[in-house]
C-alpha atoms as a PDB file:
ATOM      1  CA  MET A   1      11.629 190.158 207.473  1.00  0.00           C
ATOM      2  CA  ALA A   2      12.475 193.211 209.525  1.00  0.00           C
ATOM      3  CA  PHE A   3      15.694 194.564 211.005  1.00  0.00           C
ATOM      4  CA  HIS A   4      16.801 195.761 214.430  1.00  0.00           C
ATOM      5  CA  GLY A   5      19.800 198.107 214.611  1.00  0.00           C
ATOM      6  CA  THR A   6      21.672 198.506 217.885  1.00  0.00           C
ATOM      7  CA  LEU A   7      24.974 199.012 219.646  1.00  0.00           C
ATOM      8  CA  ALA A   8      23.962 196.383 222.245  1.00  0.00           C
ATOM      9  CA  GLY A   9      24.365 193.415 219.903  1.00  0.00           C
ATOM     10  CA  ASN A  10      26.853 191.568 222.076  1.00  0.00           C
ATOM     11  CA  ASP A  11      24.420 191.703 225.020  1.00  0.00           C
ATOM     12  CA  ILE A  12      21.617 190.415 222.767  1.00  0.00           C
ATOM     13  CA  ILE A  13      23.727 187.502 221.573  1.00  0.00           C
ATOM     14  CA  LEU A  14      24.773 186.617 225.131  1.00  0.00           C
ATOM     15  CA  SER A  15      21.210 186.823 226.487  1.00  0.00           C
ATOM     16  CA  GLY A  16      19.729 184.828 223.600  1.00  0.00           C
ATOM     17  CA  ALA A  17      16.996 187.346 222.696  1.00  0.00           C
ATOM     18  CA  ILE A  18      16.132 190.864 221.649  1.00  0.00           C
ATOM     19  CA  GLU A  19      14.120 192.100 224.624  1.00  0.00           C
ATOM     20  CA  PRO A  20      11.418 194.806 224.699  1.00  0.00           C
ATOM     21  CA  THR A  21      12.576 198.255 225.811  1.00  0.00           C
ATOM     22  CA  THR A  22      12.776 198.828 229.557  1.00  0.00           C
ATOM     23  CA  LYS A  23      14.034 201.694 231.678  1.00  0.00           C
ATOM     24  CA  GLU A  24      17.267 199.745 232.141  1.00  0.00           C
ATOM     25  CA  ASN A  25      18.024 198.952 228.484  1.00  0.00           C
ATOM     26  CA  SER A  26      16.678 202.051 226.715  1.00  0.00           C
ATOM     27  CA  VAL A  27      19.159 204.285 224.922  1.00  0.00           C
ATOM     28  CA  TYR A  28      16.810 207.263 225.091  1.00  0.00           C
ATOM     29  CA  GLY A  29      15.050 206.660 228.394  1.00  0.00           C
ATOM     30  CA  VAL A  30      11.374 205.721 228.634  1.00  0.00           C
ATOM     31  CA  ARG A  31       8.344 207.951 228.737  1.00  0.00           C
ATOM     32  CA  GLU A  32       4.722 207.866 229.703  1.00  0.00           C
ATOM     33  CA  GLU A  33       2.349 206.459 227.057  1.00  0.00           C
ATOM     34  CA  ASP A  34       0.928 209.816 225.930  1.00  0.00           C
ATOM     35  CA  ASN A  35       4.012 212.011 226.312  1.00  0.00           C
ATOM     36  CA  LEU A  36       5.688 212.643 222.954  1.00  0.00           C
ATOM     37  CA  ASN A  37       9.338 213.586 223.379  1.00  0.00           C
ATOM     38  CA  LEU A  38      12.743 212.125 222.523  1.00  0.00           C
ATOM     39  CA  MET A  39      12.303 209.262 224.956  1.00  0.00           C
ATOM     40  CA  THR A  40      10.935 205.912 223.816  1.00  0.00           C
ATOM     41  CA  SER A  41       7.949 203.832 224.863  1.00  0.00           C
ATOM     42  CA  ALA A  42       8.684 200.910 227.175  1.00  0.00           C
ATOM     43  CA  GLY A  43       7.518 197.403 226.350  1.00  0.00           C
ATOM     44  CA  TYR A  44       8.292 197.355 222.615  1.00  0.00           C
ATOM     45  CA  ILE A  45      10.979 196.167 220.237  1.00  0.00           C
ATOM     46  CA  TYR A  46      11.391 198.577 217.349  1.00  0.00           C
ATOM     47  CA  LEU A  47      11.997 197.158 213.883  1.00  0.00           C
ATOM     48  CA  ALA A  48      12.658 198.630 210.452  1.00  0.00           C
ATOM     49  CA  LEU A  49      11.476 197.220 207.141  1.00  0.00           C
ATOM     50  CA  GLU A  50      14.721 198.316 205.499  1.00  0.00           C
ATOM     51  CA  PHE A  51      18.250 197.333 206.514  1.00  0.00           C
ATOM     52  CA  GLU A  52      19.494 200.911 206.055  1.00  0.00           C
ATOM     53  CA  LYS A  53      16.772 202.305 208.325  1.00  0.00           C
ATOM     54  CA  ALA A  54      17.835 199.914 211.108  1.00  0.00           C
ATOM     55  CA  TYR A  55      21.420 201.066 210.588  1.00  0.00           C
ATOM     56  CA  GLU A  56      20.259 204.693 210.940  1.00  0.00           C
ATOM     57  CA  PHE A  57      18.722 203.823 214.323  1.00  0.00           C
ATOM     58  CA  ALA A  58      22.084 202.441 215.456  1.00  0.00           C
ATOM     59  CA  LEU A  59      23.688 205.694 214.270  1.00  0.00           C
ATOM     60  CA  ALA A  60      21.161 207.636 216.370  1.00  0.00           C
ATOM     61  CA  SER A  61      22.227 205.508 219.355  1.00  0.00           C
ATOM     62  CA  MET A  62      25.843 206.532 218.753  1.00  0.00           C
ATOM     63  CA  LEU A  63      24.782 210.171 218.938  1.00  0.00           C
ATOM     64  CA  GLN A  64      22.617 209.647 222.003  1.00  0.00           C
ATOM     65  CA  LYS A  65      25.402 207.817 223.823  1.00  0.00           C
ATOM     66  CA  ARG A  66      27.879 210.507 222.793  1.00  0.00           C
ATOM     67  CA  ARG A  67      30.022 207.998 220.909  1.00  0.00           C
ATOM     68  CA  THR A  68      30.638 210.168 217.828  1.00  0.00           C
ATOM     69  CA  PHE A  69      34.418 210.105 218.244  1.00  0.00           C
ATOM     70  CA  LEU A  70      34.706 206.578 219.659  1.00  0.00           C
ATOM     71  CA  GLU A  71      35.095 203.207 218.014  1.00  0.00           C
ATOM     72  CA  SER A  72      31.761 201.380 218.047  1.00  0.00           C
ATOM     73  CA  THR A  73      30.275 198.134 216.844  1.00  0.00           C
ATOM     74  CA  ILE A  74      26.939 198.375 215.087  1.00  0.00           C
ATOM     75  CA  TYR A  75      24.791 195.256 214.941  1.00  0.00           C
ATOM     76  CA  ILE A  76      21.915 194.760 212.533  1.00  0.00           C
ATOM     77  CA  PHE A  77      19.756 191.742 213.361  1.00  0.00           C
ATOM     78  CA  GLU A  78      17.456 190.224 210.756  1.00  0.00           C
ATOM     79  CA  THR A  79      14.204 189.190 212.430  1.00  0.00           C
ATOM     80  CA  GLU A  80      11.252 187.023 211.449  1.00  0.00           C
ATOM     81  CA  THR A  81       8.032 188.428 212.881  1.00  0.00           C
ATOM     82  CA  LYS A  82       5.486 186.476 210.851  1.00  0.00           C
ATOM     83  CA  GLY A  83       2.471 185.624 213.005  1.00  0.00           C
ATOM     84  CA  MET A  84       3.275 188.244 215.642  1.00  0.00           C
ATOM     85  CA  GLU A  85       1.075 191.190 216.509  1.00  0.00           C
ATOM     86  CA  PHE A  86       2.440 194.464 215.091  1.00  0.00           C
ATOM     87  CA  TYR A  87       2.072 197.941 216.571  1.00  0.00           C
ATOM     88  CA  PRO A  88       2.715 201.358 215.019  1.00  0.00           C
ATOM     89  CA  ASP A  89       6.085 202.844 215.901  1.00  0.00           C
ATOM     90  CA  TYR A  90       4.612 205.970 217.455  1.00  0.00           C
ATOM     91  CA  ASP A  91       8.073 207.067 218.589  1.00  0.00           C
ATOM     92  CA  GLU A  92       9.127 207.365 214.968  1.00  0.00           C
ATOM     93  CA  LEU A  93       5.751 208.582 213.683  1.00  0.00           C
ATOM     94  CA  GLY A  94       5.462 211.281 216.328  1.00  0.00           C
ATOM     95  CA  ARG A  95       1.680 211.136 216.721  1.00  0.00           C
ATOM     96  CA  TYR A  96      -0.963 208.712 217.915  1.00  0.00           C
ATOM     97  CA  GLU A  97      -3.854 209.054 215.480  1.00  0.00           C
ATOM     98  CA  GLU A  98      -2.581 206.903 212.612  1.00  0.00           C
ATOM     99  CA  SER A  99      -3.551 203.323 211.819  1.00  0.00           C
ATOM    100  CA  LEU A 100      -0.926 200.592 211.718  1.00  0.00           C
ATOM    101  CA  ARG A 101      -0.980 200.529 207.906  1.00  0.00           C
ATOM    102  CA  VAL A 102      -0.479 204.285 207.579  1.00  0.00           C
ATOM    103  CA  ALA A 103       2.183 204.363 210.291  1.00  0.00           C
ATOM    104  CA  ILE A 104       4.200 201.569 208.661  1.00  0.00           C
ATOM    105  CA  SER A 105       3.942 203.112 205.196  1.00  0.00           C
ATOM    106  CA  GLU A 106       5.076 206.526 206.512  1.00  0.00           C
ATOM    107  CA  THR A 107       7.916 205.392 208.774  1.00  0.00           C
ATOM    108  CA  LYS A 108       8.946 202.000 207.333  1.00  0.00           C
ATOM    109  CA  THR A 109       9.038 200.818 210.952  1.00  0.00           C
ATOM    110  CA  TYR A 110       6.835 198.949 213.405  1.00  0.00           C
ATOM    111  CA  ALA A 111       7.006 197.527 216.897  1.00  0.00           C
ATOM    112  CA  VAL A 112       6.358 194.160 218.539  1.00  0.00           C
ATOM    113  CA  LYS A 113       5.870 193.396 222.232  1.00  0.00           C
ATOM    114  CA  ASP A 114       7.195 189.844 222.481  1.00  0.00           C
ATOM    115  CA  LYS A 115      10.902 189.153 222.813  1.00  0.00           C
ATOM    116  CA  LEU A 116      12.613 187.812 219.705  1.00  0.00           C
ATOM    117  CA  LEU A 117      14.554 184.643 220.484  1.00  0.00           C
ATOM    118  CA  ILE A 118      17.840 183.859 218.811  1.00  0.00           C
ATOM    119  CA  GLY A 119      17.506 180.703 216.732  1.00  0.00           C
ATOM    120  CA  THR A 120      13.742 181.156 216.440  1.00  0.00           C
ATOM    121  CA  ARG A 121      12.954 184.755 215.460  1.00  0.00           C
ATOM    122  CA  VAL A 122      16.535 185.992 214.976  1.00  0.00           C
ATOM    123  CA  ASN A 123      18.824 183.829 212.858  1.00  0.00           C
ATOM    124  CA  ARG A 124      21.491 186.142 211.487  1.00  0.00           C
ATOM    125  CA  TYR A 125      23.139 189.517 211.929  1.00  0.00           C
ATOM    126  CA  LYS A 126      25.750 191.878 210.548  1.00  0.00           C
ATOM    127  CA  LYS A 127      28.482 193.202 212.792  1.00  0.00           C
ATOM    128  CA  ILE A 128      29.999 196.474 211.590  1.00  0.00           C
ATOM    129  CA  LEU A 129      32.986 197.937 213.421  1.00  0.00           C
ATOM    130  CA  VAL A 130      33.411 201.670 212.813  1.00  0.00           C
ATOM    131  CA  LYS A 131      36.154 204.026 213.990  1.00  0.00           C
ATOM    132  CA  ASN A 132      33.724 206.869 214.652  1.00  0.00           C
ATOM    133  CA  TYR A 133      30.352 208.340 213.718  1.00  0.00           C
ATOM    134  CA  LYS A 134      31.692 209.998 210.559  1.00  0.00           C
ATOM    135  CA  GLU A 135      32.981 206.686 209.199  1.00  0.00           C
ATOM    136  CA  ALA A 136      29.661 205.017 210.082  1.00  0.00           C
ATOM    137  CA  CYS A 137      27.775 207.661 208.090  1.00  0.00           C
ATOM    138  CA  GLU A 138      30.149 207.323 205.137  1.00  0.00           C
ATOM    139  CA  LEU A 139      29.500 203.572 205.035  1.00  0.00           C
ATOM    140  CA  LEU A 140      25.778 204.235 204.807  1.00  0.00           C
ATOM    141  CA  ASP A 141      26.092 207.004 202.210  1.00  0.00           C
ATOM    142  CA  SER A 142      28.359 204.902 199.975  1.00  0.00           C
ATOM    143  CA  GLY A 143      26.204 201.768 200.242  1.00  0.00           C
ATOM    144  CA  LYS A 144      29.204 199.826 201.567  1.00  0.00           C
ATOM    145  CA  VAL A 145      27.299 199.006 204.747  1.00  0.00           C
ATOM    146  CA  ASN A 146      25.595 196.302 202.679  1.00  0.00           C
ATOM    147  CA  ASP A 147      28.949 194.682 201.864  1.00  0.00           C
ATOM    148  CA  TYR A 148      29.405 193.261 205.348  1.00  0.00           C
ATOM    149  CA  PRO A 149      28.663 189.522 205.564  1.00  0.00           C
ATOM    150  CA  TRP A 150      25.747 188.026 207.459  1.00  0.00           C
ATOM    151  CA  GLU A 151      26.731 185.903 210.443  1.00  0.00           C
ATOM    152  CA  ILE A 152      24.516 182.987 211.458  1.00  0.00           C
ATOM    153  CA  LEU A 153      23.120 182.742 214.990  1.00  0.00           C
ATOM    154  CA  LYS A 154      22.303 179.460 216.652  1.00  0.00           C
ATOM    155  CA  ASN A 155      19.794 178.834 219.395  1.00  0.00           C
ATOM    156  CA  SER A 156      21.537 179.276 222.750  1.00  0.00           C
ATOM    157  CA  GLU A 157      19.678 176.373 224.391  1.00  0.00           C
END
């Protein structure tokens, strides 16, 4: 199991899949393969091994989208990636020389290239409505972010 944290959860549910990052759907913008900066690499879905880490990525999206004082809905999707090919999350690692094993152990994240279909690879999620960034951080710090119930997703076909 791995987790994907996002503010775009409603779009994911409507489309029926978590799609790899593109120029159009990236929160940070996309970059060239060998250019390390705050932008992200296109063609990957970024996943965290820990629920809280995925939540932190959604918090980073709030900052990037300048939503610190706005009500937001954070979605954390639980994904099943067994049998898929994994890639190091170089965006999180910040360098390219590490092996997949080292990268995952250091960052507690990895990436996949294939879309994750609802009802197949994504079966449940948590939806967390927060008044602002401060409240979102307080939920994480207090551990109360784990109190939100899982909601079941069904295949959209």
